[in-house]
Every structure is written in C-alpha cells, then in structure tokens.
Amino acid sequence: MTKGSNQTGLTPQVVKKIAHLARLYEDMEDSLVQEYLTELSGILDLANELQQVDTKSINHLDGARTITIDQLREDEPETGEEYDRVKANIINNFPNHQNNLLVIQGIFESD
C-alpha cells in the first residue's frame, strides 16, 4: 500500500476533489486532508464490512408496512389566485429565473 492510499482506494487527491465538488474548500490544508482521508476511509471500510453480511435469508419486507393503492390519496393540484401569487413571488425573487422556471447551476458545472 502506498503512502496516502488505503484499502478503499481513497487518496489525498480524491479527498481534495470531493471537497472541491462539495464546495467545502478551494485549497485544503494537508493536515485536514489527512484527517478527512482517515474519517472517510473508516466510513467506507464500515460500508464494505456491511456489504459482507449475509442477508439472503432475510425477507426484505419483514417488518415493513405495505401500502395499497386504496390507501393513497388522489393528487390534488394547487390552484387559485393565492397559489398563483405565491408562485410568481417565489419565481420573481429567485436570483436566476427564465420562462416561469428557476434556473440553477448544474451539479458538475464549474463556476
């Protein structure tokens, strides 16, 4: 195993990329990278350990409440002047809107 890597495949570069994508840090200090690397590795190691648990004999619906179609309500769309006023107010106060829709930056788009 090389320095800065672990069984989960996380590296300091991956941690920095995650921090950048999450908009936590533009340039993260090395000590913080190592701290996050250790914590994330622990979480991923636990997830890998849970993946090894044999669940073949467990019925996925045991203990779960099943909902029938009769228990679901019909969709009732909002209508009326008050709804239209609130909707227009929200859209008009949003920093970026177009054609009665809110415009947001894509997840993987850069600034």
PDB file of N, CA and C in Angstrom:
ATOM      1  N   MET A   1       0.855  -1.174   0.000  1.00  0.00           N
ATOM      2  CA  MET A   1       0.000   0.000   0.000  1.00  0.00           C
ATOM      3  C   MET A   1       0.902   1.239   0.000  1.00  0.00           C
ATOM      4  N   THR A   2       0.589   2.224  -0.839  1.00  0.00           N
ATOM      5  CA  THR A   2       1.412   3.417  -0.921  1.00  0.00           C
ATOM      6  C   THR A   2       0.970   4.426   0.117  1.00  0.00           C
ATOM      7  N   LYS A   3       1.898   5.338   0.439  1.00  0.00           N
ATOM      8  CA  LYS A   3       1.568   6.377   1.419  1.00  0.00           C
ATOM      9  C   LYS A   3       0.437   7.239   0.872  1.00  0.00           C
ATOM     10  N   GLY A   4      -0.588   7.503   1.709  1.00  0.00           N
ATOM     11  CA  GLY A   4      -1.705   8.333   1.292  1.00  0.00           C
ATOM     12  C   GLY A   4      -2.844   7.551   0.652  1.00  0.00           C
ATOM     13  N   SER A   5      -2.642   6.223   0.514  1.00  0.00           N
ATOM     14  CA  SER A   5      -3.748   5.428  -0.018  1.00  0.00           C
ATOM     15  C   SER A   5      -4.146   4.407   1.036  1.00  0.00           C
ATOM     16  N   ASN A   6      -5.214   3.686   0.783  1.00  0.00           N
ATOM     17  CA  ASN A   6      -5.723   2.735   1.753  1.00  0.00           C
ATOM     18  C   ASN A   6      -6.526   1.687   1.014  1.00  0.00           C
ATOM     19  N   GLN A   7      -7.165   0.792   1.748  1.00  0.00           N
ATOM     20  CA  GLN A   7      -7.928  -0.291   1.130  1.00  0.00           C
ATOM     21  C   GLN A   7      -9.122   0.211   0.333  1.00  0.00           C
ATOM     22  N   THR A   8      -9.642   1.375   0.660  1.00  0.00           N
ATOM     23  CA  THR A   8     -10.821   1.893  -0.023  1.00  0.00           C
ATOM     24  C   THR A   8     -10.485   2.584  -1.335  1.00  0.00           C
ATOM     25  N   GLY A   9      -9.211   2.826  -1.597  1.00  0.00           N
ATOM     26  CA  GLY A   9      -8.815   3.496  -2.827  1.00  0.00           C
ATOM     27  C   GLY A   9      -8.832   5.007  -2.718  1.00  0.00           C
ATOM     28  N   LEU A  10      -9.131   5.532  -1.537  1.00  0.00           N
ATOM     29  CA  LEU A  10      -9.110   6.981  -1.355  1.00  0.00           C
ATOM     30  C   LEU A  10      -7.676   7.478  -1.313  1.00  0.00           C
ATOM     31  N   THR A  11      -7.446   8.586  -1.964  1.00  0.00           N
ATOM     32  CA  THR A  11      -6.139   9.242  -1.941  1.00  0.00           C
ATOM     33  C   THR A  11      -6.351  10.691  -1.531  1.00  0.00           C
ATOM     34  N   PRO A  12      -5.283  11.377  -1.144  1.00  0.00           N
ATOM     35  CA  PRO A  12      -5.438  12.802  -0.832  1.00  0.00           C
ATOM     36  C   PRO A  12      -6.021  13.596  -2.004  1.00  0.00           C
ATOM     37  N   GLN A  13      -5.686  13.224  -3.223  1.00  0.00           N
ATOM     38  CA  GLN A  13      -6.215  13.922  -4.396  1.00  0.00           C
ATOM     39  C   GLN A  13      -7.730  13.730  -4.507  1.00  0.00           C
ATOM     40  N   VAL A  14      -8.215  12.521  -4.201  1.00  0.00           N
ATOM     41  CA  VAL A  14      -9.652  12.244  -4.247  1.00  0.00           C
ATOM     42  C   VAL A  14     -10.369  13.056  -3.170  1.00  0.00           C
ATOM     43  N   VAL A  15      -9.795  13.119  -1.971  1.00  0.00           N
ATOM     44  CA  VAL A  15     -10.400  13.895  -0.889  1.00  0.00           C
ATOM     45  C   VAL A  15     -10.475  15.370  -1.280  1.00  0.00           C
ATOM     46  N   LYS A  16      -9.418  15.903  -1.892  1.00  0.00           N
ATOM     47  CA  LYS A  16      -9.423  17.297  -2.332  1.00  0.00           C
ATOM     48  C   LYS A  16     -10.481  17.528  -3.409  1.00  0.00           C
ATOM     49  N   LYS A  17     -10.651  16.570  -4.309  1.00  0.00           N
ATOM     50  CA  LYS A  17     -11.656  16.684  -5.370  1.00  0.00           C
ATOM     51  C   LYS A  17     -13.065  16.670  -4.767  1.00  0.00           C
ATOM     52  N   ILE A  18     -13.301  15.779  -3.790  1.00  0.00           N
ATOM     53  CA  ILE A  18     -14.608  15.725  -3.116  1.00  0.00           C
ATOM     54  C   ILE A  18     -14.880  17.049  -2.411  1.00  0.00           C
ATOM     55  N   ALA A  19     -13.877  17.590  -1.715  1.00  0.00           N
ATOM     56  CA  ALA A  19     -14.049  18.858  -1.006  1.00  0.00           C
ATOM     57  C   ALA A  19     -14.349  19.989  -1.982  1.00  0.00           C
ATOM     58  N   HIS A  20     -13.709  19.956  -3.137  1.00  0.00           N
ATOM     59  CA  HIS A  20     -13.961  20.985  -4.154  1.00  0.00           C
ATOM     60  C   HIS A  20     -15.368  20.847  -4.725  1.00  0.00           C
ATOM     61  N   LEU A  21     -15.785  19.620  -5.061  1.00  0.00           N
ATOM     62  CA  LEU A  21     -17.127  19.401  -5.607  1.00  0.00           C
ATOM     63  C   LEU A  21     -18.215  19.767  -4.598  1.00  0.00           C
ATOM     64  N   ALA A  22     -17.935  19.516  -3.328  1.00  0.00           N
ATOM     65  CA  ALA A  22     -18.900  19.850  -2.277  1.00  0.00           C
ATOM     66  C   ALA A  22     -18.821  21.329  -1.901  1.00  0.00           C
ATOM     67  N   ARG A  23     -17.902  22.029  -2.543  1.00  0.00           N
ATOM     68  CA  ARG A  23     -17.681  23.460  -2.292  1.00  0.00           C
ATOM     69  C   ARG A  23     -17.350  23.725  -0.829  1.00  0.00           C
ATOM     70  N   LEU A  24     -16.591  22.793  -0.230  1.00  0.00           N
ATOM     71  CA  LEU A  24     -16.152  22.983   1.147  1.00  0.00           C
ATOM     72  C   LEU A  24     -14.872  23.811   1.183  1.00  0.00           C
ATOM     73  N   TYR A  25     -13.954  23.492   0.282  1.00  0.00           N
ATOM     74  CA  TYR A  25     -12.658  24.158   0.256  1.00  0.00           C
ATOM     75  C   TYR A  25     -12.184  24.292  -1.182  1.00  0.00           C
ATOM     76  N   GLU A  26     -11.532  25.393  -1.474  1.00  0.00           N
ATOM     77  CA  GLU A  26     -10.856  25.533  -2.763  1.00  0.00           C
ATOM     78  C   GLU A  26      -9.471  24.900  -2.673  1.00  0.00           C
ATOM     79  N   ASP A  27      -8.768  25.182  -1.565  1.00  0.00           N
ATOM     80  CA  ASP A  27      -7.434  24.613  -1.359  1.00  0.00           C
ATOM     81  C   ASP A  27      -7.343  24.157   0.090  1.00  0.00           C
ATOM     82  N   MET A  28      -7.377  22.849   0.301  1.00  0.00           N
ATOM     83  CA  MET A  28      -7.433  22.278   1.636  1.00  0.00           C
ATOM     84  C   MET A  28      -6.023  22.019   2.162  1.00  0.00           C
ATOM     85  N   GLU A  29      -5.802  22.335   3.441  1.00  0.00           N
ATOM     86  CA  GLU A  29      -4.503  22.078   4.062  1.00  0.00           C
ATOM     87  C   GLU A  29      -4.259  20.579   4.161  1.00  0.00           C
ATOM     88  N   ASP A  30      -2.979  20.180   4.048  1.00  0.00           N
ATOM     89  CA  ASP A  30      -2.625  18.757   4.065  1.00  0.00           C
ATOM     90  C   ASP A  30      -3.057  18.055   5.345  1.00  0.00           C
ATOM     91  N   SER A  31      -2.963  18.738   6.496  1.00  0.00           N
ATOM     92  CA  SER A  31      -3.364  18.100   7.761  1.00  0.00           C
ATOM     93  C   SER A  31      -4.861  17.797   7.756  1.00  0.00           C
ATOM     94  N   LEU A  32      -5.656  18.699   7.177  1.00  0.00           N
ATOM     95  CA  LEU A  32      -7.092  18.478   7.093  1.00  0.00           C
ATOM     96  C   LEU A  32      -7.408  17.378   6.085  1.00  0.00           C
ATOM     97  N   VAL A  33      -6.641  17.326   4.995  1.00  0.00           N
ATOM     98  CA  VAL A  33      -6.820  16.259   4.004  1.00  0.00           C
ATOM     99  C   VAL A  33      -6.607  14.908   4.669  1.00  0.00           C
ATOM    100  N   GLN A  34      -5.549  14.779   5.463  1.00  0.00           N
ATOM    101  CA  GLN A  34      -5.257  13.511   6.130  1.00  0.00           C
ATOM    102  C   GLN A  34      -6.355  13.154   7.135  1.00  0.00           C
ATOM    103  N   GLU A  35      -6.878  14.169   7.836  1.00  0.00           N
ATOM    104  CA  GLU A  35      -7.951  13.923   8.799  1.00  0.00           C
ATOM    105  C   GLU A  35      -9.207  13.406   8.090  1.00  0.00           C
ATOM    106  N   TYR A  36      -9.586  14.071   6.998  1.00  0.00           N
ATOM    107  CA  TYR A  36     -10.753  13.630   6.224  1.00  0.00           C
ATOM    108  C   TYR A  36     -10.503  12.275   5.578  1.00  0.00           C
ATOM    109  N   LEU A  37      -9.289  12.056   5.117  1.00  0.00           N
ATOM    110  CA  LEU A  37      -8.939  10.777   4.498  1.00  0.00           C
ATOM    111  C   LEU A  37      -9.141   9.639   5.497  1.00  0.00           C
ATOM    112  N   THR A  38      -8.704   9.849   6.722  1.00  0.00           N
ATOM    113  CA  THR A  38      -8.862   8.833   7.768  1.00  0.00           C
ATOM    114  C   THR A  38     -10.336   8.600   8.076  1.00  0.00           C
ATOM    115  N   GLU A  39     -11.098   9.691   8.234  1.00  0.00           N
ATOM    116  CA  GLU A  39     -12.522   9.556   8.562  1.00  0.00           C
ATOM    117  C   GLU A  39     -13.311   8.906   7.426  1.00  0.00           C
ATOM    118  N   LEU A  40     -13.084   9.359   6.194  1.00  0.00           N
ATOM    119  CA  LEU A  40     -13.797   8.779   5.051  1.00  0.00           C
ATOM    120  C   LEU A  40     -13.422   7.316   4.850  1.00  0.00           C
ATOM    121  N   SER A  41     -12.159   6.990   5.048  1.00  0.00           N
ATOM    122  CA  SER A  41     -11.723   5.596   4.916  1.00  0.00           C
ATOM    123  C   SER A  41     -12.422   4.710   5.934  1.00  0.00           C
ATOM    124  N   GLY A  42     -12.562   5.212   7.152  1.00  0.00           N
ATOM    125  CA  GLY A  42     -13.260   4.458   8.188  1.00  0.00           C
ATOM    126  C   GLY A  42     -14.716   4.210   7.819  1.00  0.00           C
ATOM    127  N   ILE A  43     -15.356   5.235   7.278  1.00  0.00           N
ATOM    128  CA  ILE A  43     -16.764   5.094   6.869  1.00  0.00           C
ATOM    129  C   ILE A  43     -16.883   4.079   5.737  1.00  0.00           C
ATOM    130  N   LEU A  44     -15.999   4.186   4.739  1.00  0.00           N
ATOM    131  CA  LEU A  44     -16.057   3.263   3.602  1.00  0.00           C
ATOM    132  C   LEU A  44     -15.681   1.841   4.014  1.00  0.00           C
ATOM    133  N   ASP A  45     -14.747   1.703   4.946  1.00  0.00           N
ATOM    134  CA  ASP A  45     -14.402   0.365   5.456  1.00  0.00           C
ATOM    135  C   ASP A  45     -15.607  -0.268   6.153  1.00  0.00           C
ATOM    136  N   LEU A  46     -16.341   0.535   6.937  1.00  0.00           N
ATOM    137  CA  LEU A  46     -17.541   0.033   7.606  1.00  0.00           C
ATOM    138  C   LEU A  46     -18.598  -0.367   6.577  1.00  0.00           C
ATOM    139  N   ALA A  47     -18.761   0.446   5.538  1.00  0.00           N
ATOM    140  CA  ALA A  47     -19.733   0.113   4.485  1.00  0.00           C
ATOM    141  C   ALA A  47     -19.332  -1.186   3.792  1.00  0.00           C
ATOM    142  N   ASN A  48     -18.039  -1.367   3.535  1.00  0.00           N
ATOM    143  CA  ASN A  48     -17.568  -2.617   2.923  1.00  0.00           C
ATOM    144  C   ASN A  48     -17.808  -3.802   3.845  1.00  0.00           C
ATOM    145  N   GLU A  49     -17.630  -3.597   5.133  1.00  0.00           N
ATOM    146  CA  GLU A  49     -17.880  -4.659   6.107  1.00  0.00           C
ATOM    147  C   GLU A  49     -19.365  -5.034   6.104  1.00  0.00           C
ATOM    148  N   LEU A  50     -20.243  -4.037   6.026  1.00  0.00           N
ATOM    149  CA  LEU A  50     -21.677  -4.298   5.985  1.00  0.00           C
ATOM    150  C   LEU A  50     -22.076  -5.030   4.707  1.00  0.00           C
ATOM    151  N   GLN A  51     -21.361  -4.775   3.610  1.00  0.00           N
ATOM    152  CA  GLN A  51     -21.645  -5.467   2.350  1.00  0.00           C
ATOM    153  C   GLN A  51     -21.391  -6.966   2.467  1.00  0.00           C
ATOM    154  N   GLN A  52     -20.526  -7.365   3.389  1.00  0.00           N
ATOM    155  CA  GLN A  52     -20.178  -8.772   3.553  1.00  0.00           C
ATOM    156  C   GLN A  52     -21.214  -9.547   4.368  1.00  0.00           C
ATOM    157  N   VAL A  53     -22.135  -8.849   5.028  1.00  0.00           N
ATOM    158  CA  VAL A  53     -23.144  -9.511   5.858  1.00  0.00           C
ATOM    159  C   VAL A  53     -24.097 -10.297   4.965  1.00  0.00           C
ATOM    160  N   ASP A  54     -24.322 -11.562   5.330  1.00  0.00           N
ATOM    161  CA  ASP A  54     -25.221 -12.418   4.554  1.00  0.00           C
ATOM    162  C   ASP A  54     -26.670 -12.070   4.876  1.00  0.00           C
ATOM    163  N   THR A  55     -27.381 -11.568   3.884  1.00  0.00           N
ATOM    164  CA  THR A  55     -28.788 -11.174   4.070  1.00  0.00           C
ATOM    165  C   THR A  55     -29.721 -12.006   3.198  1.00  0.00           C
ATOM    166  N   LYS A  56     -29.225 -13.105   2.647  1.00  0.00           N
ATOM    167  CA  LYS A  56     -30.037 -13.914   1.732  1.00  0.00           C
ATOM    168  C   LYS A  56     -31.262 -14.509   2.409  1.00  0.00           C
ATOM    169  N   SER A  57     -31.167 -14.813   3.689  1.00  0.00           N
ATOM    170  CA  SER A  57     -32.295 -15.453   4.374  1.00  0.00           C
ATOM    171  C   SER A  57     -33.285 -14.441   4.945  1.00  0.00           C
ATOM    172  N   ILE A  58     -33.049 -13.161   4.720  1.00  0.00           N
ATOM    173  CA  ILE A  58     -33.925 -12.126   5.274  1.00  0.00           C
ATOM    174  C   ILE A  58     -34.885 -11.645   4.205  1.00  0.00           C
ATOM    175  N   ASN A  59     -36.174 -11.687   4.527  1.00  0.00           N
ATOM    176  CA  ASN A  59     -37.189 -11.174   3.615  1.00  0.00           C
ATOM    177  C   ASN A  59     -37.154  -9.652   3.703  1.00  0.00           C
ATOM    178  N   HIS A  60     -37.008  -8.991   2.569  1.00  0.00           N
ATOM    179  CA  HIS A  60     -36.872  -7.534   2.547  1.00  0.00           C
ATOM    180  C   HIS A  60     -38.104  -6.809   3.078  1.00  0.00           C
ATOM    181  N   LEU A  61     -39.246  -7.455   3.066  1.00  0.00           N
ATOM    182  CA  LEU A  61     -40.460  -6.809   3.530  1.00  0.00           C
ATOM    183  C   LEU A  61     -40.814  -7.155   4.970  1.00  0.00           C
ATOM    184  N   ASP A  62     -39.974  -7.944   5.646  1.00  0.00           N
ATOM    185  CA  ASP A  62     -40.235  -8.252   7.050  1.00  0.00           C
ATOM    186  C   ASP A  62     -40.252  -6.971   7.858  1.00  0.00           C
ATOM    187  N   GLY A  63     -41.337  -6.744   8.562  1.00  0.00           N
ATOM    188  CA  GLY A  63     -41.445  -5.563   9.409  1.00  0.00           C
ATOM    189  C   GLY A  63     -41.831  -4.306   8.657  1.00  0.00           C
ATOM    190  N   ALA A  64     -41.893  -4.359   7.350  1.00  0.00           N
ATOM    191  CA  ALA A  64     -42.256  -3.168   6.580  1.00  0.00           C
ATOM    192  C   ALA A  64     -43.763  -3.126   6.376  1.00  0.00           C
ATOM    193  N   ARG A  65     -44.300  -1.955   6.414  1.00  0.00           N
ATOM    194  CA  ARG A  65     -45.728  -1.788   6.154  1.00  0.00           C
ATOM    195  C   ARG A  65     -45.918  -1.684   4.654  1.00  0.00           C
ATOM    196  N   THR A  66     -46.767  -2.487   4.126  1.00  0.00           N
ATOM    197  CA  THR A  66     -47.054  -2.391   2.703  1.00  0.00           C
ATOM    198  C   THR A  66     -48.259  -1.495   2.507  1.00  0.00           C
ATOM    199  N   ILE A  67     -48.174  -0.610   1.551  1.00  0.00           N
ATOM    200  CA  ILE A  67     -49.238   0.350   1.286  1.00  0.00           C
ATOM    201  C   ILE A  67     -49.972  -0.084   0.023  1.00  0.00           C
ATOM    202  N   THR A  68     -51.270  -0.141   0.136  1.00  0.00           N
ATOM    203  CA  THR A  68     -52.060  -0.488  -1.035  1.00  0.00           C
ATOM    204  C   THR A  68     -52.498   0.781  -1.747  1.00  0.00           C
ATOM    205  N   ILE A  69     -52.880   0.639  -2.976  1.00  0.00           N
ATOM    206  CA  ILE A  69     -53.307   1.785  -3.769  1.00  0.00           C
ATOM    207  C   ILE A  69     -54.528   2.458  -3.159  1.00  0.00           C
ATOM    208  N   ASP A  70     -55.341   1.717  -2.429  1.00  0.00           N
ATOM    209  CA  ASP A  70     -56.530   2.286  -1.795  1.00  0.00           C
ATOM    210  C   ASP A  70     -56.170   3.262  -0.674  1.00  0.00           C
ATOM    211  N   GLN A  71     -54.959   3.119  -0.102  1.00  0.00           N
ATOM    212  CA  GLN A  71     -54.562   3.981   0.994  1.00  0.00           C
ATOM    213  C   GLN A  71     -53.952   5.297   0.507  1.00  0.00           C
ATOM    214  N   LEU A  72     -53.672   5.398  -0.778  1.00  0.00           N
ATOM    215  CA  LEU A  72     -53.073   6.609  -1.315  1.00  0.00           C
ATOM    216  C   LEU A  72     -54.153   7.587  -1.754  1.00  0.00           C
ATOM    217  N   ARG A  73     -53.920   8.867  -1.534  1.00  0.00           N
ATOM    218  CA  ARG A  73     -54.900   9.877  -1.921  1.00  0.00           C
ATOM    219  C   ARG A  73     -54.730  10.244  -3.392  1.00  0.00           C
ATOM    220  N   GLU A  74     -55.768  10.743  -3.962  1.00  0.00           N
ATOM    221  CA  GLU A  74     -55.682  11.266  -5.322  1.00  0.00           C
ATOM    222  C   GLU A  74     -54.879  12.554  -5.274  1.00  0.00           C
ATOM    223  N   ASP A  75     -54.102  12.806  -6.304  1.00  0.00           N
ATOM    224  CA  ASP A  75     -53.345  14.047  -6.371  1.00  0.00           C
ATOM    225  C   ASP A  75     -54.299  15.216  -6.559  1.00  0.00           C
ATOM    226  N   GLU A  76     -54.123  16.220  -5.750  1.00  0.00           N
ATOM    227  CA  GLU A  76     -54.958  17.410  -5.852  1.00  0.00           C
ATOM    228  C   GLU A  76     -54.064  18.602  -6.138  1.00  0.00           C
ATOM    229  N   PRO A  77     -53.977  19.018  -7.404  1.00  0.00           N
ATOM    230  CA  PRO A  77     -53.077  20.123  -7.739  1.00  0.00           C
ATOM    231  C   PRO A  77     -53.533  21.434  -7.109  1.00  0.00           C
ATOM    232  N   GLU A  78     -52.556  22.248  -6.723  1.00  0.00           N
ATOM    233  CA  GLU A  78     -52.852  23.569  -6.170  1.00  0.00           C
ATOM    234  C   GLU A  78     -53.362  24.473  -7.277  1.00  0.00           C
ATOM    235  N   THR A  79     -54.365  25.259  -6.990  1.00  0.00           N
ATOM    236  CA  THR A  79     -54.904  26.211  -7.955  1.00  0.00           C
ATOM    237  C   THR A  79     -55.393  27.442  -7.220  1.00  0.00           C
ATOM    238  N   GLY A  80     -55.732  28.455  -7.971  1.00  0.00           N
ATOM    239  CA  GLY A  80     -56.333  29.643  -7.382  1.00  0.00           C
ATOM    240  C   GLY A  80     -55.408  30.838  -7.428  1.00  0.00           C
ATOM    241  N   GLU A  81     -55.987  31.996  -7.139  1.00  0.00           N
ATOM    242  CA  GLU A  81     -55.248  33.253  -7.197  1.00  0.00           C
ATOM    243  C   GLU A  81     -54.130  33.307  -6.165  1.00  0.00           C
ATOM    244  N   GLU A  82     -54.395  32.847  -4.950  1.00  0.00           N
ATOM    245  CA  GLU A  82     -53.375  32.874  -3.893  1.00  0.00           C
ATOM    246  C   GLU A  82     -52.170  32.024  -4.284  1.00  0.00           C
ATOM    247  N   TYR A  83     -52.427  30.835  -4.814  1.00  0.00           N
ATOM    248  CA  TYR A  83     -51.340  29.957  -5.262  1.00  0.00           C
ATOM    249  C   TYR A  83     -50.529  30.637  -6.368  1.00  0.00           C
ATOM    250  N   ASP A  84     -51.200  31.219  -7.352  1.00  0.00           N
ATOM    251  CA  ASP A  84     -50.520  31.897  -8.455  1.00  0.00           C
ATOM    252  C   ASP A  84     -49.689  33.080  -7.957  1.00  0.00           C
ATOM    253  N   ARG A  85     -50.204  33.821  -6.975  1.00  0.00           N
ATOM    254  CA  ARG A  85     -49.481  34.962  -6.426  1.00  0.00           C
ATOM    255  C   ARG A  85     -48.214  34.513  -5.698  1.00  0.00           C
ATOM    256  N   VAL A  86     -48.324  33.485  -4.862  1.00  0.00           N
ATOM    257  CA  VAL A  86     -47.172  32.965  -4.120  1.00  0.00           C
ATOM    258  C   VAL A  86     -46.131  32.404  -5.091  1.00  0.00           C
ATOM    259  N   LYS A  87     -46.572  31.648  -6.080  1.00  0.00           N
ATOM    260  CA  LYS A  87     -45.665  31.067  -7.066  1.00  0.00           C
ATOM    261  C   LYS A  87     -44.911  32.169  -7.820  1.00  0.00           C
ATOM    262  N   ALA A  88     -45.623  33.187  -8.283  1.00  0.00           N
ATOM    263  CA  ALA A  88     -44.984  34.291  -9.010  1.00  0.00           C
ATOM    264  C   ALA A  88     -44.000  35.029  -8.114  1.00  0.00           C
ATOM    265  N   ASN A  89     -44.346  35.214  -6.858  1.00  0.00           N
ATOM    266  CA  ASN A  89     -43.463  35.893  -5.913  1.00  0.00           C
ATOM    267  C   ASN A  89     -42.163  35.110  -5.718  1.00  0.00           C
ATOM    268  N   ILE A  90     -42.272  33.797  -5.565  1.00  0.00           N
ATOM    269  CA  ILE A  90     -41.079  32.953  -5.396  1.00  0.00           C
ATOM    270  C   ILE A  90     -40.203  33.036  -6.638  1.00  0.00           C
ATOM    271  N   ILE A  91     -40.792  32.869  -7.797  1.00  0.00           N
ATOM    272  CA  ILE A  91     -40.019  32.886  -9.047  1.00  0.00           C
ATOM    273  C   ILE A  91     -39.369  34.243  -9.269  1.00  0.00           C
ATOM    274  N   ASN A  92     -40.100  35.320  -9.049  1.00  0.00           N
ATOM    275  CA  ASN A  92     -39.557  36.652  -9.283  1.00  0.00           C
ATOM    276  C   ASN A  92     -38.458  37.031  -8.304  1.00  0.00           C
ATOM    277  N   ASN A  93     -38.463  36.452  -7.099  1.00  0.00           N
ATOM    278  CA  ASN A  93     -37.430  36.757  -6.114  1.00  0.00           C
ATOM    279  C   ASN A  93     -36.222  35.835  -6.212  1.00  0.00           C
ATOM    280  N   PHE A  94     -36.297  34.813  -7.045  1.00  0.00           N
ATOM    281  CA  PHE A  94     -35.159  33.907  -7.237  1.00  0.00           C
ATOM    282  C   PHE A  94     -34.116  34.625  -8.084  1.00  0.00           C
ATOM    283  N   PRO A  95     -32.830  34.497  -7.739  1.00  0.00           N
ATOM    284  CA  PRO A  95     -31.801  35.254  -8.452  1.00  0.00           C
ATOM    285  C   PRO A  95     -31.762  35.002  -9.967  1.00  0.00           C
ATOM    286  N   ASN A  96     -32.051  33.799 -10.390  1.00  0.00           N
ATOM    287  CA  ASN A  96     -31.958  33.487 -11.817  1.00  0.00           C
ATOM    288  C   ASN A  96     -33.198  32.684 -12.215  1.00  0.00           C
ATOM    289  N   HIS A  97     -34.046  33.286 -13.038  1.00  0.00           N
ATOM    290  CA  HIS A  97     -35.255  32.587 -13.483  1.00  0.00           C
ATOM    291  C   HIS A  97     -35.488  32.897 -14.949  1.00  0.00           C
ATOM    292  N   GLN A  98     -36.171  31.961 -15.604  1.00  0.00           N
ATOM    293  CA  GLN A  98     -36.426  32.106 -17.036  1.00  0.00           C
ATOM    294  C   GLN A  98     -37.683  31.314 -17.385  1.00  0.00           C
ATOM    295  N   ASN A  99     -38.575  31.902 -18.154  1.00  0.00           N
ATOM    296  CA  ASN A  99     -39.803  31.249 -18.604  1.00  0.00           C
ATOM    297  C   ASN A  99     -40.592  30.609 -17.459  1.00  0.00           C
ATOM    298  N   ASN A 100     -40.741  31.344 -16.363  1.00  0.00           N
ATOM    299  CA  ASN A 100     -41.535  30.883 -15.226  1.00  0.00           C
ATOM    300  C   ASN A 100     -40.911  29.682 -14.502  1.00  0.00           C
ATOM    301  N   LEU A 101     -39.589  29.476 -14.701  1.00  0.00           N
ATOM    302  CA  LEU A 101     -38.869  28.387 -14.039  1.00  0.00           C
ATOM    303  C   LEU A 101     -37.651  28.945 -13.320  1.00  0.00           C
ATOM    304  N   LEU A 102     -37.211  28.238 -12.271  1.00  0.00           N
ATOM    305  CA  LEU A 102     -35.990  28.611 -11.571  1.00  0.00           C
ATOM    306  C   LEU A 102     -34.803  28.005 -12.294  1.00  0.00           C
ATOM    307  N   VAL A 103     -33.741  28.782 -12.489  1.00  0.00           N
ATOM    308  CA  VAL A 103     -32.545  28.302 -13.172  1.00  0.00           C
ATOM    309  C   VAL A 103     -31.440  28.153 -12.131  1.00  0.00           C
ATOM    310  N   ILE A 104     -30.902  26.930 -12.026  1.00  0.00           N
ATOM    311  CA  ILE A 104     -29.818  26.677 -11.081  1.00  0.00           C
ATOM    312  C   ILE A 104     -28.633  26.107 -11.823  1.00  0.00           C
ATOM    313  N   GLN A 105     -27.450  26.234 -11.228  1.00  0.00           N
ATOM    314  CA  GLN A 105     -26.228  25.706 -11.821  1.00  0.00           C
ATOM    315  C   GLN A 105     -26.248  24.179 -11.736  1.00  0.00           C
ATOM    316  N   GLY A 106     -25.792  23.524 -12.796  1.00  0.00           N
ATOM    317  CA  GLY A 106     -25.708  22.070 -12.793  1.00  0.00           C
ATOM    318  C   GLY A 106     -24.720  21.577 -11.767  1.00  0.00           C
ATOM    319  N   ILE A 107     -24.895  20.373 -11.316  1.00  0.00           N
ATOM    320  CA  ILE A 107     -24.047  19.802 -10.267  1.00  0.00           C
ATOM    321  C   ILE A 107     -22.590  19.740 -10.700  1.00  0.00           C
ATOM    322  N   PHE A 108     -22.326  19.362 -11.932  1.00  0.00           N
ATOM    323  CA  PHE A 108     -20.964  19.153 -12.374  1.00  0.00           C
ATOM    324  C   PHE A 108     -20.419  20.308 -13.200  1.00  0.00           C
ATOM    325  N   GLU A 109     -21.139  21.409 -13.258  1.00  0.00           N
ATOM    326  CA  GLU A 109     -20.654  22.590 -13.961  1.00  0.00           C
ATOM    327  C   GLU A 109     -19.719  23.349 -13.044  1.00  0.00           C
ATOM    328  N   SER A 110     -18.662  23.936 -13.624  1.00  0.00           N
ATOM    329  CA  SER A 110     -17.779  24.761 -12.803  1.00  0.00           C
ATOM    330  C   SER A 110     -18.198  26.217 -12.913  1.00  0.00           C
ATOM    331  N   ASP A 111     -17.711  26.997 -11.958  1.00  0.00           N
ATOM    332  CA  ASP A 111     -18.059  28.429 -11.939  1.00  0.00           C
ATOM    333  C   ASP A 111     -17.569  29.151 -13.156  1.00  0.00           C
TER     334      ASP A 111
END
